[in-house]
Amino acid sequence: MTSPKPSASWQHMRRLLTSKSENELLNLIRDLYVLTTDNKDFVHAQVLTPKSKVPTTRQSKKPPSSTAKVVPKIRQLATMAE
């Protein structure tokens, strides 16, 4: 019994794909896209799903209000009074 031929390594595939033109790569993606619904779903997920969230602009922090500074002191005095 013969062992199955090992598949090409990713490095080999990468070299092969980088040697192809943009048009050839688009044709390859098109052919894979129409081959199965799983491939179609995969391509949709990769293209339509954002890779990272767009950074939102941060609003500047407001300085703490005067009451926010006083509240811890009042709590401290209340615990001392108990």
PDB file of N, CA and C in Angstrom:
ATOM      1  N   MET A   1       0.839  -1.183   0.000  1.00  0.00           N
ATOM      2  CA  MET A   1       0.000   0.000   0.000  1.00  0.00           C
ATOM      3  C   MET A   1       0.885   1.248   0.000  1.00  0.00           C
ATOM      4  N   THR A   2       0.643   2.161  -0.899  1.00  0.00           N
ATOM      5  CA  THR A   2       1.462   3.373  -0.982  1.00  0.00           C
ATOM      6  C   THR A   2       0.843   4.459  -0.125  1.00  0.00           C
ATOM      7  N   SER A   3       1.701   5.255   0.460  1.00  0.00           N
ATOM      8  CA  SER A   3       1.203   6.368   1.274  1.00  0.00           C
ATOM      9  C   SER A   3       0.791   7.510   0.360  1.00  0.00           C
ATOM     10  N   PRO A   4      -0.221   8.279   0.783  1.00  0.00           N
ATOM     11  CA  PRO A   4      -0.652   9.394  -0.068  1.00  0.00           C
ATOM     12  C   PRO A   4       0.444  10.443  -0.188  1.00  0.00           C
ATOM     13  N   LYS A   5       0.463  11.090  -1.327  1.00  0.00           N
ATOM     14  CA  LYS A   5       1.460  12.122  -1.581  1.00  0.00           C
ATOM     15  C   LYS A   5       1.216  13.293  -0.624  1.00  0.00           C
ATOM     16  N   PRO A   6       2.242  13.735   0.098  1.00  0.00           N
ATOM     17  CA  PRO A   6       2.024  14.846   1.039  1.00  0.00           C
ATOM     18  C   PRO A   6       1.623  16.117   0.293  1.00  0.00           C
ATOM     19  N   SER A   7       0.721  16.862   0.897  1.00  0.00           N
ATOM     20  CA  SER A   7       0.283  18.094   0.251  1.00  0.00           C
ATOM     21  C   SER A   7       1.384  19.144   0.333  1.00  0.00           C
ATOM     22  N   ALA A   8       1.293  20.100  -0.529  1.00  0.00           N
ATOM     23  CA  ALA A   8       2.300  21.160  -0.582  1.00  0.00           C
ATOM     24  C   ALA A   8       2.259  21.971   0.709  1.00  0.00           C
ATOM     25  N   SER A   9       3.411  22.369   1.146  1.00  0.00           N
ATOM     26  CA  SER A   9       3.468  23.169   2.360  1.00  0.00           C
ATOM     27  C   SER A   9       2.943  24.577   2.074  1.00  0.00           C
ATOM     28  N   TRP A  10       2.585  25.282   3.147  1.00  0.00           N
ATOM     29  CA  TRP A  10       2.071  26.641   2.980  1.00  0.00           C
ATOM     30  C   TRP A  10       3.123  27.540   2.340  1.00  0.00           C
ATOM     31  N   GLN A  11       4.382  27.358   2.711  1.00  0.00           N
ATOM     32  CA  GLN A  11       5.437  28.193   2.136  1.00  0.00           C
ATOM     33  C   GLN A  11       5.515  27.996   0.620  1.00  0.00           C
ATOM     34  N   HIS A  12       5.371  26.753   0.186  1.00  0.00           N
ATOM     35  CA  HIS A  12       5.409  26.482  -1.251  1.00  0.00           C
ATOM     36  C   HIS A  12       4.202  27.129  -1.943  1.00  0.00           C
ATOM     37  N   MET A  13       3.018  26.958  -1.337  1.00  0.00           N
ATOM     38  CA  MET A  13       1.810  27.555  -1.915  1.00  0.00           C
ATOM     39  C   MET A  13       1.926  29.074  -1.954  1.00  0.00           C
ATOM     40  N   ARG A  14       2.483  29.636  -0.906  1.00  0.00           N
ATOM     41  CA  ARG A  14       2.630  31.089  -0.849  1.00  0.00           C
ATOM     42  C   ARG A  14       3.531  31.591  -1.976  1.00  0.00           C
ATOM     43  N   ARG A  15       4.648  30.905  -2.162  1.00  0.00           N
ATOM     44  CA  ARG A  15       5.551  31.292  -3.254  1.00  0.00           C
ATOM     45  C   ARG A  15       4.847  31.188  -4.602  1.00  0.00           C
ATOM     46  N   LEU A  16       4.084  30.117  -4.786  1.00  0.00           N
ATOM     47  CA  LEU A  16       3.381  29.909  -6.038  1.00  0.00           C
ATOM     48  C   LEU A  16       2.338  31.004  -6.259  1.00  0.00           C
ATOM     49  N   LEU A  17       1.590  31.350  -5.211  1.00  0.00           N
ATOM     50  CA  LEU A  17       0.548  32.373  -5.345  1.00  0.00           C
ATOM     51  C   LEU A  17       1.131  33.770  -5.565  1.00  0.00           C
ATOM     52  N   THR A  18       2.257  34.066  -4.936  1.00  0.00           N
ATOM     53  CA  THR A  18       2.849  35.396  -5.128  1.00  0.00           C
ATOM     54  C   THR A  18       3.396  35.569  -6.540  1.00  0.00           C
ATOM     55  N   SER A  19       3.641  34.463  -7.211  1.00  0.00           N
ATOM     56  CA  SER A  19       4.135  34.575  -8.585  1.00  0.00           C
ATOM     57  C   SER A  19       3.011  34.825  -9.590  1.00  0.00           C
ATOM     58  N   LYS A  20       1.763  34.699  -9.158  1.00  0.00           N
ATOM     59  CA  LYS A  20       0.619  34.883 -10.051  1.00  0.00           C
ATOM     60  C   LYS A  20       0.251  36.356 -10.176  1.00  0.00           C
ATOM     61  N   SER A  21      -0.386  36.688 -11.277  1.00  0.00           N
ATOM     62  CA  SER A  21      -0.831  38.066 -11.489  1.00  0.00           C
ATOM     63  C   SER A  21      -2.127  38.300 -10.707  1.00  0.00           C
ATOM     64  N   GLU A  22      -2.481  39.562 -10.563  1.00  0.00           N
ATOM     65  CA  GLU A  22      -3.707  39.918  -9.844  1.00  0.00           C
ATOM     66  C   GLU A  22      -4.927  39.314 -10.531  1.00  0.00           C
ATOM     67  N   ASN A  23      -4.942  39.341 -11.841  1.00  0.00           N
ATOM     68  CA  ASN A  23      -6.069  38.790 -12.601  1.00  0.00           C
ATOM     69  C   ASN A  23      -6.194  37.283 -12.372  1.00  0.00           C
ATOM     70  N   GLU A  24      -5.064  36.580 -12.350  1.00  0.00           N
ATOM     71  CA  GLU A  24      -5.089  35.134 -12.110  1.00  0.00           C
ATOM     72  C   GLU A  24      -5.610  34.823 -10.707  1.00  0.00           C
ATOM     73  N   LEU A  25      -5.210  35.622  -9.739  1.00  0.00           N
ATOM     74  CA  LEU A  25      -5.679  35.408  -8.369  1.00  0.00           C
ATOM     75  C   LEU A  25      -7.177  35.671  -8.239  1.00  0.00           C
ATOM     76  N   LEU A  26      -7.649  36.716  -8.895  1.00  0.00           N
ATOM     77  CA  LEU A  26      -9.093  36.997  -8.873  1.00  0.00           C
ATOM     78  C   LEU A  26      -9.882  35.880  -9.541  1.00  0.00           C
ATOM     79  N   ASN A  27      -9.355  35.334 -10.623  1.00  0.00           N
ATOM     80  CA  ASN A  27     -10.020  34.205 -11.285  1.00  0.00           C
ATOM     81  C   ASN A  27     -10.045  32.980 -10.371  1.00  0.00           C
ATOM     82  N   LEU A  28      -8.968  32.750  -9.650  1.00  0.00           N
ATOM     83  CA  LEU A  28      -8.917  31.630  -8.709  1.00  0.00           C
ATOM     84  C   LEU A  28      -9.973  31.799  -7.612  1.00  0.00           C
ATOM     85  N   ILE A  29     -10.067  32.999  -7.067  1.00  0.00           N
ATOM     86  CA  ILE A  29     -11.069  33.261  -6.030  1.00  0.00           C
ATOM     87  C   ILE A  29     -12.472  33.090  -6.588  1.00  0.00           C
ATOM     88  N   ARG A  30     -12.690  33.571  -7.792  1.00  0.00           N
ATOM     89  CA  ARG A  30     -14.008  33.410  -8.434  1.00  0.00           C
ATOM     90  C   ARG A  30     -14.360  31.940  -8.593  1.00  0.00           C
ATOM     91  N   ASP A  31     -13.395  31.143  -9.074  1.00  0.00           N
ATOM     92  CA  ASP A  31     -13.649  29.711  -9.271  1.00  0.00           C
ATOM     93  C   ASP A  31     -13.948  29.013  -7.941  1.00  0.00           C
ATOM     94  N   LEU A  32     -13.210  29.348  -6.914  1.00  0.00           N
ATOM     95  CA  LEU A  32     -13.466  28.756  -5.597  1.00  0.00           C
ATOM     96  C   LEU A  32     -14.809  29.221  -5.049  1.00  0.00           C
ATOM     97  N   TYR A  33     -15.158  30.458  -5.297  1.00  0.00           N
ATOM     98  CA  TYR A  33     -16.413  31.058  -4.820  1.00  0.00           C
ATOM     99  C   TYR A  33     -17.619  30.293  -5.363  1.00  0.00           C
ATOM    100  N   VAL A  34     -17.611  29.961  -6.647  1.00  0.00           N
ATOM    101  CA  VAL A  34     -18.766  29.299  -7.253  1.00  0.00           C
ATOM    102  C   VAL A  34     -18.743  27.785  -7.057  1.00  0.00           C
ATOM    103  N   LEU A  35     -17.649  27.237  -6.553  1.00  0.00           N
ATOM    104  CA  LEU A  35     -17.512  25.796  -6.409  1.00  0.00           C
ATOM    105  C   LEU A  35     -18.456  25.217  -5.356  1.00  0.00           C
ATOM    106  N   THR A  36     -18.492  25.802  -4.166  1.00  0.00           N
ATOM    107  CA  THR A  36     -19.376  25.304  -3.101  1.00  0.00           C
ATOM    108  C   THR A  36     -19.965  26.476  -2.326  1.00  0.00           C
ATOM    109  N   THR A  37     -21.071  26.189  -1.653  1.00  0.00           N
ATOM    110  CA  THR A  37     -21.677  27.245  -0.827  1.00  0.00           C
ATOM    111  C   THR A  37     -20.804  27.539   0.393  1.00  0.00           C
ATOM    112  N   ASP A  38     -20.061  26.543   0.888  1.00  0.00           N
ATOM    113  CA  ASP A  38     -19.146  26.790   2.010  1.00  0.00           C
ATOM    114  C   ASP A  38     -18.079  27.806   1.618  1.00  0.00           C
ATOM    115  N   ASN A  39     -17.530  27.664   0.424  1.00  0.00           N
ATOM    116  CA  ASN A  39     -16.534  28.626  -0.054  1.00  0.00           C
ATOM    117  C   ASN A  39     -17.145  30.016  -0.181  1.00  0.00           C
ATOM    118  N   LYS A  40     -18.374  30.056  -0.700  1.00  0.00           N
ATOM    119  CA  LYS A  40     -19.069  31.334  -0.877  1.00  0.00           C
ATOM    120  C   LYS A  40     -19.267  32.012   0.483  1.00  0.00           C
ATOM    121  N   ASP A  41     -19.723  31.230   1.469  1.00  0.00           N
ATOM    122  CA  ASP A  41     -19.914  31.773   2.813  1.00  0.00           C
ATOM    123  C   ASP A  41     -18.598  32.251   3.414  1.00  0.00           C
ATOM    124  N   PHE A  42     -17.528  31.483   3.188  1.00  0.00           N
ATOM    125  CA  PHE A  42     -16.218  31.861   3.703  1.00  0.00           C
ATOM    126  C   PHE A  42     -15.747  33.190   3.113  1.00  0.00           C
ATOM    127  N   VAL A  43     -15.881  33.329   1.804  1.00  0.00           N
ATOM    128  CA  VAL A  43     -15.456  34.572   1.144  1.00  0.00           C
ATOM    129  C   VAL A  43     -16.282  35.746   1.656  1.00  0.00           C
ATOM    130  N   HIS A  44     -17.596  35.545   1.803  1.00  0.00           N
ATOM    131  CA  HIS A  44     -18.444  36.615   2.325  1.00  0.00           C
ATOM    132  C   HIS A  44     -18.008  37.008   3.736  1.00  0.00           C
ATOM    133  N   ALA A  45     -17.723  36.009   4.571  1.00  0.00           N
ATOM    134  CA  ALA A  45     -17.319  36.291   5.950  1.00  0.00           C
ATOM    135  C   ALA A  45     -15.994  37.047   5.988  1.00  0.00           C
ATOM    136  N   GLN A  46     -15.061  36.682   5.125  1.00  0.00           N
ATOM    137  CA  GLN A  46     -13.758  37.339   5.124  1.00  0.00           C
ATOM    138  C   GLN A  46     -13.823  38.759   4.592  1.00  0.00           C
ATOM    139  N   VAL A  47     -14.680  38.979   3.609  1.00  0.00           N
ATOM    140  CA  VAL A  47     -14.738  40.292   2.965  1.00  0.00           C
ATOM    141  C   VAL A  47     -15.670  41.241   3.709  1.00  0.00           C
ATOM    142  N   LEU A  48     -16.794  40.729   4.198  1.00  0.00           N
ATOM    143  CA  LEU A  48     -17.803  41.594   4.795  1.00  0.00           C
ATOM    144  C   LEU A  48     -17.619  41.817   6.288  1.00  0.00           C
ATOM    145  N   THR A  49     -16.801  41.003   6.950  1.00  0.00           N
ATOM    146  CA  THR A  49     -16.576  41.165   8.382  1.00  0.00           C
ATOM    147  C   THR A  49     -15.401  42.104   8.594  1.00  0.00           C
ATOM    148  N   PRO A  50     -15.612  43.184   9.326  1.00  0.00           N
ATOM    149  CA  PRO A  50     -14.483  44.087   9.581  1.00  0.00           C
ATOM    150  C   PRO A  50     -13.435  43.397  10.443  1.00  0.00           C
ATOM    151  N   LYS A  51     -12.192  43.601  10.109  1.00  0.00           N
ATOM    152  CA  LYS A  51     -11.099  42.982  10.853  1.00  0.00           C
ATOM    153  C   LYS A  51     -10.868  43.659  12.192  1.00  0.00           C
ATOM    154  N   SER A  52     -11.049  44.948  12.233  1.00  0.00           N
ATOM    155  CA  SER A  52     -10.897  45.665  13.492  1.00  0.00           C
ATOM    156  C   SER A  52     -11.890  46.808  13.514  1.00  0.00           C
ATOM    157  N   LYS A  53     -12.230  47.202  14.704  1.00  0.00           N
ATOM    158  CA  LYS A  53     -13.175  48.301  14.830  1.00  0.00           C
ATOM    159  C   LYS A  53     -12.497  49.607  14.459  1.00  0.00           C
ATOM    160  N   VAL A  54     -13.258  50.473  13.862  1.00  0.00           N
ATOM    161  CA  VAL A  54     -12.752  51.791  13.526  1.00  0.00           C
ATOM    162  C   VAL A  54     -12.625  52.563  14.831  1.00  0.00           C
ATOM    163  N   PRO A  55     -11.460  53.112  15.101  1.00  0.00           N
ATOM    164  CA  PRO A  55     -11.309  53.821  16.372  1.00  0.00           C
ATOM    165  C   PRO A  55     -12.251  55.020  16.451  1.00  0.00           C
ATOM    166  N   THR A  56     -12.899  55.126  17.569  1.00  0.00           N
ATOM    167  CA  THR A  56     -13.790  56.261  17.763  1.00  0.00           C
ATOM    168  C   THR A  56     -13.008  57.381  18.421  1.00  0.00           C
ATOM    169  N   THR A  57     -13.454  58.580  18.181  1.00  0.00           N
ATOM    170  CA  THR A  57     -12.765  59.702  18.794  1.00  0.00           C
ATOM    171  C   THR A  57     -13.145  59.757  20.265  1.00  0.00           C
ATOM    172  N   ARG A  58     -12.161  59.934  21.091  1.00  0.00           N
ATOM    173  CA  ARG A  58     -12.406  60.005  22.526  1.00  0.00           C
ATOM    174  C   ARG A  58     -12.794  61.413  22.909  1.00  0.00           C
ATOM    175  N   GLN A  59     -13.760  61.458  23.779  1.00  0.00           N
ATOM    176  CA  GLN A  59     -14.123  62.761  24.305  1.00  0.00           C
ATOM    177  C   GLN A  59     -13.205  63.056  25.482  1.00  0.00           C
ATOM    178  N   SER A  60     -12.849  64.302  25.593  1.00  0.00           N
ATOM    179  CA  SER A  60     -11.944  64.655  26.674  1.00  0.00           C
ATOM    180  C   SER A  60     -12.633  64.442  28.013  1.00  0.00           C
ATOM    181  N   LYS A  61     -11.816  64.005  28.986  1.00  0.00           N
ATOM    182  CA  LYS A  61     -12.364  63.768  30.319  1.00  0.00           C
ATOM    183  C   LYS A  61     -12.695  65.097  30.971  1.00  0.00           C
ATOM    184  N   LYS A  62     -13.831  65.082  31.619  1.00  0.00           N
ATOM    185  CA  LYS A  62     -14.207  66.276  32.362  1.00  0.00           C
ATOM    186  C   LYS A  62     -13.468  66.255  33.687  1.00  0.00           C
ATOM    187  N   PRO A  63     -13.078  67.390  34.169  1.00  0.00           N
ATOM    188  CA  PRO A  63     -12.438  67.402  35.485  1.00  0.00           C
ATOM    189  C   PRO A  63     -13.467  66.997  36.539  1.00  0.00           C
ATOM    190  N   PRO A  64     -13.024  66.321  37.598  1.00  0.00           N
ATOM    191  CA  PRO A  64     -13.972  65.894  38.622  1.00  0.00           C
ATOM    192  C   PRO A  64     -14.693  67.092  39.232  1.00  0.00           C
ATOM    193  N   SER A  65     -15.970  66.878  39.497  1.00  0.00           N
ATOM    194  CA  SER A  65     -16.756  67.970  40.079  1.00  0.00           C
ATOM    195  C   SER A  65     -16.309  68.201  41.516  1.00  0.00           C
ATOM    196  N   SER A  66     -16.690  69.335  42.045  1.00  0.00           N
ATOM    197  CA  SER A  66     -16.293  69.665  43.421  1.00  0.00           C
ATOM    198  C   SER A  66     -16.923  68.702  44.419  1.00  0.00           C
ATOM    199  N   THR A  67     -18.119  68.199  44.127  1.00  0.00           N
ATOM    200  CA  THR A  67     -18.744  67.242  45.043  1.00  0.00           C
ATOM    201  C   THR A  67     -18.041  65.898  45.009  1.00  0.00           C
ATOM    202  N   ALA A  68     -17.485  65.519  43.868  1.00  0.00           N
ATOM    203  CA  ALA A  68     -16.770  64.252  43.770  1.00  0.00           C
ATOM    204  C   ALA A  68     -15.531  64.263  44.650  1.00  0.00           C
ATOM    205  N   LYS A  69     -14.951  65.421  44.843  1.00  0.00           N
ATOM    206  CA  LYS A  69     -13.784  65.531  45.722  1.00  0.00           C
ATOM    207  C   LYS A  69     -14.186  65.488  47.183  1.00  0.00           C
ATOM    208  N   VAL A  70     -15.382  65.957  47.503  1.00  0.00           N
ATOM    209  CA  VAL A  70     -15.818  66.076  48.893  1.00  0.00           C
ATOM    210  C   VAL A  70     -16.396  64.766  49.422  1.00  0.00           C
ATOM    211  N   VAL A  71     -17.036  63.988  48.573  1.00  0.00           N
ATOM    212  CA  VAL A  71     -17.731  62.770  49.009  1.00  0.00           C
ATOM    213  C   VAL A  71     -16.812  61.822  49.776  1.00  0.00           C
ATOM    214  N   PRO A  72     -15.598  61.514  49.315  1.00  0.00           N
ATOM    215  CA  PRO A  72     -14.739  60.605  50.094  1.00  0.00           C
ATOM    216  C   PRO A  72     -14.430  61.155  51.491  1.00  0.00           C
ATOM    217  N   LYS A  73     -14.242  62.450  51.603  1.00  0.00           N
ATOM    218  CA  LYS A  73     -13.966  63.057  52.914  1.00  0.00           C
ATOM    219  C   LYS A  73     -15.169  62.902  53.845  1.00  0.00           C
ATOM    220  N   ILE A  74     -16.365  63.117  53.308  1.00  0.00           N
ATOM    221  CA  ILE A  74     -17.591  62.993  54.112  1.00  0.00           C
ATOM    222  C   ILE A  74     -17.742  61.556  54.591  1.00  0.00           C
ATOM    223  N   ARG A  75     -17.477  60.592  53.707  1.00  0.00           N
ATOM    224  CA  ARG A  75     -17.538  59.172  54.097  1.00  0.00           C
ATOM    225  C   ARG A  75     -16.531  58.874  55.193  1.00  0.00           C
ATOM    226  N   GLN A  76     -15.340  59.410  55.048  1.00  0.00           N
ATOM    227  CA  GLN A  76     -14.294  59.179  56.037  1.00  0.00           C
ATOM    228  C   GLN A  76     -14.714  59.760  57.395  1.00  0.00           C
ATOM    229  N   LEU A  77     -15.265  60.954  57.405  1.00  0.00           N
ATOM    230  CA  LEU A  77     -15.723  61.576  58.648  1.00  0.00           C
ATOM    231  C   LEU A  77     -16.900  60.791  59.245  1.00  0.00           C
ATOM    232  N   ALA A  78     -17.784  60.277  58.380  1.00  0.00           N
ATOM    233  CA  ALA A  78     -18.917  59.506  58.878  1.00  0.00           C
ATOM    234  C   ALA A  78     -18.460  58.220  59.552  1.00  0.00           C
ATOM    235  N   THR A  79     -17.460  57.552  58.970  1.00  0.00           N
ATOM    236  CA  THR A  79     -16.964  56.336  59.608  1.00  0.00           C
ATOM    237  C   THR A  79     -16.260  56.651  60.906  1.00  0.00           C
ATOM    238  N   MET A  80     -15.603  57.786  60.998  1.00  0.00           N
ATOM    239  CA  MET A  80     -14.929  58.169  62.242  1.00  0.00           C
ATOM    240  C   MET A  80     -15.976  58.493  63.315  1.00  0.00           C
ATOM    241  N   ALA A  81     -17.091  59.073  62.932  1.00  0.00           N
ATOM    242  CA  ALA A  81     -18.117  59.430  63.889  1.00  0.00           C
ATOM    243  C   ALA A  81     -18.791  58.184  64.483  1.00  0.00           C
ATOM    244  N   GLU A  82     -18.870  57.129  63.715  1.00  0.00           N
ATOM    245  CA  GLU A  82     -19.485  55.896  64.202  1.00  0.00           C
ATOM    246  C   GLU A  82     -18.608  55.318  65.272  1.00  0.00           C
TER     247      GLU A  82
END
